[in-house]
């Protein structure tokens, strides 16, 4: 054992992915692999609490485009023969008021670092633009009570607040240090009166117990679970889940993910919606977790959960992102050199009973 070669965790991650993902993705794996190892693309989420119109104009001058509103504008049904077009089903609604700028396919320009604006908050938040898709898919409506079960480092929590729909927002993360990072993001981007008025509550509870703590309460729940964070695992030694010392923790991930998703669904009101998401390509952490959790809720709690079809959603955003064509449930953004966002898996569910 003393002579065992000390491979860096990033190399162990790549070996693991080569073994599993070459089987899962077949011919697609080589292009996904080279994209994962290349520099990631970012989006600039405009802070609506800043001077957003000025910020948007400045981002447009960089030749970036607001992919959200462009997609929604182009995705509206065309009226036929002078008739008014039928509105799309309610389940198709995207969370409103989100503006996120990206550079065009193949453009590897970088955004300048965000700066403090005239209103005392940061102008925009740099994030993987694919990370916004779970929030858009959640379809927030004005006055919703919202839970972000695994909220840190805070990009998706910030996006939830940007919608202006949260009557109150519970943002939870088990790790107190990560919850501290989340607080920092909120302080930098959200004015004090808004944090108070939206009753943003930051907690560090065990998310697996949320169904017992606050069952049947929330209109919308985001369950963005801890995962193998595939891109991070290939680039960073620090906090890398592929370290040998964390092997057991890595093997237990799908069970933890099922427990968190089950808790999120139990916290949702009947008729409410949950989005489950990861930044992993692994179907063991994605579709299998969703299917396993739905079975668990049916068997143990007699609760019926319906998976929403997101095909329309994929079509809406396919100009910006590269989607895996054959997900069994949910949608998966796969890294692609022309659109190097993701990976980001997301699945929308409705709790029926």
Foldseek 3Di string as FASTA:
>chain_A
DVPPDADFLLVLLVVVCVVPVCVVPPPCVVQLVVLLVDDFFKKWKFQPLFPRVVLQVVLVVVVWAFLVVVLVVVLADDDPPPHDDDGDDLLQFFLPQITITGHAFPDRDHDDDWDQGPSRATGTDIDQVVVCLLNRNQRADAAFAEEELAQPPHPNVSVNVSSNRQQAYEYEHQDPVRLVNNVVNCPRRPDPVSCVRNVYHYYNDLLLCLLVVAFQAGQEYEAADDAQLSSCSNPDSPPHCSRPVNPVVNVCQLVSSLSNVLSRLRNHHAQHKYKYKYQDPDCSNAVVSVVVSQVVCCPPPVWHKAWDDCPSVCVSNVSQFPWDPDDPAFTFTGAGNRRGGTRMTMTMMGTHD
